[in-house]
Amino acid sequence: MLKLNKLKIFIWTVNNPKKALHLISLGVDGFMSDRSGWIRKEVNLWRKANQKLLSAFTDLEINPQNR
């Protein structure tokens, strides 16, 4: 509902990389952390390791006819 109204969603105090990745998968626009450098590193490592999966997902979102 919030996204439909074009509101941004930010979450406060996420200090666990797994939770950060989960929130990203849910579509949050950003989050705050006491350990932002560490979280950023872990999320970037995950993104690099899963780049092929992420690009396939992005293609499906942008081009639904490719399903």
PDB file of N, CA and C in Angstrom:
ATOM      1  N   MET A   1       0.819  -1.188   0.000  1.00  0.00           N
ATOM      2  CA  MET A   1       0.000   0.000   0.000  1.00  0.00           C
ATOM      3  C   MET A   1       0.868   1.259   0.000  1.00  0.00           C
ATOM      4  N   LEU A   2       1.928   1.255   0.806  1.00  0.00           N
ATOM      5  CA  LEU A   2       2.807   2.420   0.848  1.00  0.00           C
ATOM      6  C   LEU A   2       3.471   2.654  -0.499  1.00  0.00           C
ATOM      7  N   LYS A   3       3.966   1.581  -1.105  1.00  0.00           N
ATOM      8  CA  LYS A   3       4.632   1.694  -2.403  1.00  0.00           C
ATOM      9  C   LYS A   3       3.651   2.170  -3.473  1.00  0.00           C
ATOM     10  N   LEU A   4       2.404   1.734  -3.391  1.00  0.00           N
ATOM     11  CA  LEU A   4       1.404   2.168  -4.365  1.00  0.00           C
ATOM     12  C   LEU A   4       1.186   3.671  -4.295  1.00  0.00           C
ATOM     13  N   ASN A   5       1.356   4.238  -3.118  1.00  0.00           N
ATOM     14  CA  ASN A   5       1.215   5.677  -2.931  1.00  0.00           C
ATOM     15  C   ASN A   5       2.537   6.416  -3.111  1.00  0.00           C
ATOM     16  N   LYS A   6       3.530   5.710  -3.644  1.00  0.00           N
ATOM     17  CA  LYS A   6       4.856   6.249  -3.960  1.00  0.00           C
ATOM     18  C   LYS A   6       5.579   6.809  -2.735  1.00  0.00           C
ATOM     19  N   LEU A   7       5.349   6.171  -1.592  1.00  0.00           N
ATOM     20  CA  LEU A   7       6.064   6.542  -0.377  1.00  0.00           C
ATOM     21  C   LEU A   7       7.302   5.668  -0.248  1.00  0.00           C
ATOM     22  N   LYS A   8       8.380   6.241   0.226  1.00  0.00           N
ATOM     23  CA  LYS A   8       9.630   5.500   0.436  1.00  0.00           C
ATOM     24  C   LYS A   8       9.564   4.810   1.793  1.00  0.00           C
ATOM     25  N   ILE A   9      10.175   3.631   1.868  1.00  0.00           N
ATOM     26  CA  ILE A   9      10.182   2.860   3.114  1.00  0.00           C
ATOM     27  C   ILE A   9      11.624   2.723   3.595  1.00  0.00           C
ATOM     28  N   PHE A  10      11.888   3.247   4.791  1.00  0.00           N
ATOM     29  CA  PHE A  10      13.200   3.140   5.423  1.00  0.00           C
ATOM     30  C   PHE A  10      13.037   2.475   6.780  1.00  0.00           C
ATOM     31  N   ILE A  11      13.960   1.576   7.109  1.00  0.00           N
ATOM     32  CA  ILE A  11      13.927   0.831   8.365  1.00  0.00           C
ATOM     33  C   ILE A  11      15.111   1.279   9.215  1.00  0.00           C
ATOM     34  N   TRP A  12      14.893   1.402  10.514  1.00  0.00           N
ATOM     35  CA  TRP A  12      15.942   1.864  11.426  1.00  0.00           C
ATOM     36  C   TRP A  12      16.602   0.707  12.161  1.00  0.00           C
ATOM     37  N   THR A  13      17.879   0.828  12.349  1.00  0.00           N
ATOM     38  CA  THR A  13      18.750  -0.035  13.149  1.00  0.00           C
ATOM     39  C   THR A  13      18.700  -1.498  12.719  1.00  0.00           C
ATOM     40  N   VAL A  14      19.198  -1.742  11.520  1.00  0.00           N
ATOM     41  CA  VAL A  14      19.381  -3.100  11.016  1.00  0.00           C
ATOM     42  C   VAL A  14      20.871  -3.409  11.140  1.00  0.00           C
ATOM     43  N   ASN A  15      21.219  -4.334  12.024  1.00  0.00           N
ATOM     44  CA  ASN A  15      22.626  -4.661  12.269  1.00  0.00           C
ATOM     45  C   ASN A  15      22.992  -6.085  11.878  1.00  0.00           C
ATOM     46  N   ASN A  16      22.095  -6.765  11.203  1.00  0.00           N
ATOM     47  CA  ASN A  16      22.311  -8.147  10.803  1.00  0.00           C
ATOM     48  C   ASN A  16      22.234  -8.234   9.280  1.00  0.00           C
ATOM     49  N   PRO A  17      23.310  -8.704   8.603  1.00  0.00           N
ATOM     50  CA  PRO A  17      23.292  -8.765   7.136  1.00  0.00           C
ATOM     51  C   PRO A  17      22.165  -9.620   6.565  1.00  0.00           C
ATOM     52  N   LYS A  18      21.818 -10.722   7.228  1.00  0.00           N
ATOM     53  CA  LYS A  18      20.731 -11.569   6.724  1.00  0.00           C
ATOM     54  C   LYS A  18      19.406 -10.814   6.770  1.00  0.00           C
ATOM     55  N   LYS A  19      19.186 -10.080   7.842  1.00  0.00           N
ATOM     56  CA  LYS A  19      17.965  -9.277   7.929  1.00  0.00           C
ATOM     57  C   LYS A  19      17.985  -8.168   6.886  1.00  0.00           C
ATOM     58  N   ALA A  20      19.157  -7.570   6.666  1.00  0.00           N
ATOM     59  CA  ALA A  20      19.286  -6.518   5.655  1.00  0.00           C
ATOM     60  C   ALA A  20      18.913  -7.068   4.282  1.00  0.00           C
ATOM     61  N   LEU A  21      19.433  -8.243   3.940  1.00  0.00           N
ATOM     62  CA  LEU A  21      19.122  -8.860   2.655  1.00  0.00           C
ATOM     63  C   LEU A  21      17.636  -9.187   2.549  1.00  0.00           C
ATOM     64  N   HIS A  22      17.062  -9.655   3.627  1.00  0.00           N
ATOM     65  CA  HIS A  22      15.624  -9.953   3.632  1.00  0.00           C
ATOM     66  C   HIS A  22      14.819  -8.681   3.383  1.00  0.00           C
ATOM     67  N   LEU A  23      15.181  -7.601   4.045  1.00  0.00           N
ATOM     68  CA  LEU A  23      14.474  -6.339   3.861  1.00  0.00           C
ATOM     69  C   LEU A  23      14.612  -5.825   2.431  1.00  0.00           C
ATOM     70  N   ILE A  24      15.806  -5.984   1.865  1.00  0.00           N
ATOM     71  CA  ILE A  24      16.019  -5.581   0.470  1.00  0.00           C
ATOM     72  C   ILE A  24      15.101  -6.387  -0.444  1.00  0.00           C
ATOM     73  N   SER A  25      14.993  -7.692  -0.174  1.00  0.00           N
ATOM     74  CA  SER A  25      14.135  -8.544  -1.004  1.00  0.00           C
ATOM     75  C   SER A  25      12.666  -8.154  -0.882  1.00  0.00           C
ATOM     76  N   LEU A  26      12.304  -7.568   0.249  1.00  0.00           N
ATOM     77  CA  LEU A  26      10.922  -7.119   0.435  1.00  0.00           C
ATOM     78  C   LEU A  26      10.648  -5.776  -0.234  1.00  0.00           C
ATOM     79  N   GLY A  27      11.729  -5.104  -0.666  1.00  0.00           N
ATOM     80  CA  GLY A  27      11.545  -3.852  -1.404  1.00  0.00           C
ATOM     81  C   GLY A  27      11.727  -2.576  -0.620  1.00  0.00           C
ATOM     82  N   VAL A  28      12.343  -2.649   0.569  1.00  0.00           N
ATOM     83  CA  VAL A  28      12.581  -1.401   1.298  1.00  0.00           C
ATOM     84  C   VAL A  28      13.528  -0.515   0.500  1.00  0.00           C
ATOM     85  N   ASP A  29      13.406   0.783   0.688  1.00  0.00           N
ATOM     86  CA  ASP A  29      14.243   1.727  -0.049  1.00  0.00           C
ATOM     87  C   ASP A  29      15.585   1.961   0.626  1.00  0.00           C
ATOM     88  N   GLY A  30      15.671   1.660   1.908  1.00  0.00           N
ATOM     89  CA  GLY A  30      16.928   1.830   2.619  1.00  0.00           C
ATOM     90  C   GLY A  30      16.755   1.507   4.087  1.00  0.00           C
ATOM     91  N   PHE A  31      17.891   1.451   4.783  1.00  0.00           N
ATOM     92  CA  PHE A  31      17.835   1.209   6.219  1.00  0.00           C
ATOM     93  C   PHE A  31      19.040   1.835   6.883  1.00  0.00           C
ATOM     94  N   MET A  32      18.894   2.095   8.165  1.00  0.00           N
ATOM     95  CA  MET A  32      19.973   2.654   8.975  1.00  0.00           C
ATOM     96  C   MET A  32      20.582   1.518   9.787  1.00  0.00           C
ATOM     97  N   SER A  33      21.880   1.662  10.092  1.00  0.00           N
ATOM     98  CA  SER A  33      22.568   0.627  10.844  1.00  0.00           C
ATOM     99  C   SER A  33      23.662   1.242  11.708  1.00  0.00           C
ATOM    100  N   ASP A  34      23.916   0.614  12.855  1.00  0.00           N
ATOM    101  CA  ASP A  34      25.053   1.004  13.686  1.00  0.00           C
ATOM    102  C   ASP A  34      26.350   0.456  13.099  1.00  0.00           C
ATOM    103  N   ARG A  35      26.218  -0.483  12.168  1.00  0.00           N
ATOM    104  CA  ARG A  35      27.373  -1.164  11.570  1.00  0.00           C
ATOM    105  C   ARG A  35      27.312  -1.041  10.049  1.00  0.00           C
ATOM    106  N   SER A  36      27.075   0.153   9.551  1.00  0.00           N
ATOM    107  CA  SER A  36      26.796   0.343   8.134  1.00  0.00           C
ATOM    108  C   SER A  36      27.919  -0.144   7.220  1.00  0.00           C
ATOM    109  N   GLY A  37      29.174   0.079   7.584  1.00  0.00           N
ATOM    110  CA  GLY A  37      30.283  -0.387   6.751  1.00  0.00           C
ATOM    111  C   GLY A  37      30.295  -1.892   6.615  1.00  0.00           C
ATOM    112  N   TRP A  38      30.100  -2.583   7.719  1.00  0.00           N
ATOM    113  CA  TRP A  38      30.091  -4.036   7.735  1.00  0.00           C
ATOM    114  C   TRP A  38      28.886  -4.579   6.973  1.00  0.00           C
ATOM    115  N   ILE A  39      27.719  -4.006   7.211  1.00  0.00           N
ATOM    116  CA  ILE A  39      26.508  -4.434   6.512  1.00  0.00           C
ATOM    117  C   ILE A  39      26.692  -4.224   5.003  1.00  0.00           C
ATOM    118  N   ARG A  40      27.197  -3.057   4.613  1.00  0.00           N
ATOM    119  CA  ARG A  40      27.407  -2.756   3.198  1.00  0.00           C
ATOM    120  C   ARG A  40      28.334  -3.796   2.563  1.00  0.00           C
ATOM    121  N   LYS A  41      29.406  -4.136   3.263  1.00  0.00           N
ATOM    122  CA  LYS A  41      30.352  -5.136   2.751  1.00  0.00           C
ATOM    123  C   LYS A  41      29.664  -6.481   2.558  1.00  0.00           C
ATOM    124  N   GLU A  42      28.920  -6.932   3.545  1.00  0.00           N
ATOM    125  CA  GLU A  42      28.245  -8.230   3.468  1.00  0.00           C
ATOM    126  C   GLU A  42      27.193  -8.258   2.364  1.00  0.00           C
ATOM    127  N   VAL A  43      26.415  -7.194   2.248  1.00  0.00           N
ATOM    128  CA  VAL A  43      25.383  -7.133   1.207  1.00  0.00           C
ATOM    129  C   VAL A  43      26.029  -7.114  -0.171  1.00  0.00           C
ATOM    130  N   ASN A  44      27.107  -6.344  -0.344  1.00  0.00           N
ATOM    131  CA  ASN A  44      27.801  -6.303  -1.632  1.00  0.00           C
ATOM    132  C   ASN A  44      28.406  -7.656  -1.988  1.00  0.00           C
ATOM    133  N   LEU A  45      28.969  -8.369  -0.999  1.00  0.00           N
ATOM    134  CA  LEU A  45      29.486  -9.714  -1.254  1.00  0.00           C
ATOM    135  C   LEU A  45      28.376 -10.648  -1.721  1.00  0.00           C
ATOM    136  N   TRP A  46      27.212 -10.558  -1.065  1.00  0.00           N
ATOM    137  CA  TRP A  46      26.077 -11.388  -1.452  1.00  0.00           C
ATOM    138  C   TRP A  46      25.622 -11.036  -2.864  1.00  0.00           C
ATOM    139  N   ARG A  47      25.543  -9.741  -3.155  1.00  0.00           N
ATOM    140  CA  ARG A  47      25.113  -9.320  -4.497  1.00  0.00           C
ATOM    141  C   ARG A  47      26.064  -9.834  -5.568  1.00  0.00           C
ATOM    142  N   LYS A  48      27.377  -9.739  -5.313  1.00  0.00           N
ATOM    143  CA  LYS A  48      28.348 -10.231  -6.291  1.00  0.00           C
ATOM    144  C   LYS A  48      28.196 -11.733  -6.491  1.00  0.00           C
ATOM    145  N   ALA A  49      28.010 -12.463  -5.414  1.00  0.00           N
ATOM    146  CA  ALA A  49      27.868 -13.917  -5.489  1.00  0.00           C
ATOM    147  C   ALA A  49      26.579 -14.328  -6.193  1.00  0.00           C
ATOM    148  N   ASN A  50      25.575 -13.472  -6.149  1.00  0.00           N
ATOM    149  CA  ASN A  50      24.266 -13.813  -6.712  1.00  0.00           C
ATOM    150  C   ASN A  50      23.876 -12.905  -7.868  1.00  0.00           C
ATOM    151  N   GLN A  51      24.846 -12.337  -8.536  1.00  0.00           N
ATOM    152  CA  GLN A  51      24.581 -11.378  -9.607  1.00  0.00           C
ATOM    153  C   GLN A  51      23.736 -11.970 -10.736  1.00  0.00           C
ATOM    154  N   LYS A  52      24.022 -13.197 -11.116  1.00  0.00           N
ATOM    155  CA  LYS A  52      23.261 -13.834 -12.200  1.00  0.00           C
ATOM    156  C   LYS A  52      21.792 -13.980 -11.791  1.00  0.00           C
ATOM    157  N   LEU A  53      21.560 -14.413 -10.569  1.00  0.00           N
ATOM    158  CA  LEU A  53      20.197 -14.555 -10.071  1.00  0.00           C
ATOM    159  C   LEU A  53      19.494 -13.200 -10.033  1.00  0.00           C
ATOM    160  N   LEU A  54      20.190 -12.185  -9.540  1.00  0.00           N
ATOM    161  CA  LEU A  54      19.594 -10.852  -9.454  1.00  0.00           C
ATOM    162  C   LEU A  54      19.264 -10.285 -10.824  1.00  0.00           C
ATOM    163  N   SER A  55      20.139 -10.484 -11.800  1.00  0.00           N
ATOM    164  CA  SER A  55      19.870  -9.952 -13.135  1.00  0.00           C
ATOM    165  C   SER A  55      18.683 -10.678 -13.778  1.00  0.00           C
ATOM    166  N   ALA A  56      18.553 -11.971 -13.531  1.00  0.00           N
ATOM    167  CA  ALA A  56      17.403 -12.709 -14.052  1.00  0.00           C
ATOM    168  C   ALA A  56      16.116 -12.202 -13.429  1.00  0.00           C
ATOM    169  N   PHE A  57      16.141 -11.930 -12.124  1.00  0.00           N
ATOM    170  CA  PHE A  57      14.966 -11.410 -11.434  1.00  0.00           C
ATOM    171  C   PHE A  57      14.608 -10.032 -11.974  1.00  0.00           C
ATOM    172  N   THR A  58      15.612  -9.183 -12.177  1.00  0.00           N
ATOM    173  CA  THR A  58      15.380  -7.842 -12.702  1.00  0.00           C
ATOM    174  C   THR A  58      14.771  -7.924 -14.098  1.00  0.00           C
ATOM    175  N   ASP A  59      15.281  -8.833 -14.927  1.00  0.00           N
ATOM    176  CA  ASP A  59      14.720  -8.990 -16.268  1.00  0.00           C
ATOM    177  C   ASP A  59      13.253  -9.375 -16.211  1.00  0.00           C
ATOM    178  N   LEU A  60      12.891 -10.245 -15.285  1.00  0.00           N
ATOM    179  CA  LEU A  60      11.488 -10.635 -15.147  1.00  0.00           C
ATOM    180  C   LEU A  60      10.634  -9.457 -14.712  1.00  0.00           C
ATOM    181  N   GLU A  61      11.134  -8.646 -13.813  1.00  0.00           N
ATOM    182  CA  GLU A  61      10.376  -7.500 -13.332  1.00  0.00           C
ATOM    183  C   GLU A  61      10.192  -6.459 -14.432  1.00  0.00           C
ATOM    184  N   ILE A  62      11.228  -6.231 -15.215  1.00  0.00           N
ATOM    185  CA  ILE A  62      11.150  -5.203 -16.261  1.00  0.00           C
ATOM    186  C   ILE A  62      10.392  -5.708 -17.463  1.00  0.00           C
ATOM    187  N   ASN A  63      10.570  -6.990 -17.789  1.00  0.00           N
ATOM    188  CA  ASN A  63       9.928  -7.571 -18.984  1.00  0.00           C
ATOM    189  C   ASN A  63       9.070  -8.764 -18.582  1.00  0.00           C
ATOM    190  N   PRO A  64       7.879  -8.526 -18.064  1.00  0.00           N
ATOM    191  CA  PRO A  64       7.034  -9.643 -17.605  1.00  0.00           C
ATOM    192  C   PRO A  64       6.715 -10.644 -18.708  1.00  0.00           C
ATOM    193  N   GLN A  65       6.769 -10.255 -19.975  1.00  0.00           N
ATOM    194  CA  GLN A  65       6.458 -11.178 -21.065  1.00  0.00           C
ATOM    195  C   GLN A  65       7.508 -12.276 -21.208  1.00  0.00           C
ATOM    196  N   ASN A  66       8.685 -12.135 -20.546  1.00  0.00           N
ATOM    197  CA  ASN A  66       9.733 -13.148 -20.613  1.00  0.00           C
ATOM    198  C   ASN A  66       9.468 -14.352 -19.713  1.00  0.00           C
ATOM    199  N   ARG A  67       8.394 -14.370 -19.011  1.00  0.00           N
ATOM    200  CA  ARG A  67       8.122 -15.468 -18.057  1.00  0.00           C
ATOM    201  C   ARG A  67       7.931 -16.770 -18.744  1.00  0.00           C
TER     202      ARG A  67
END
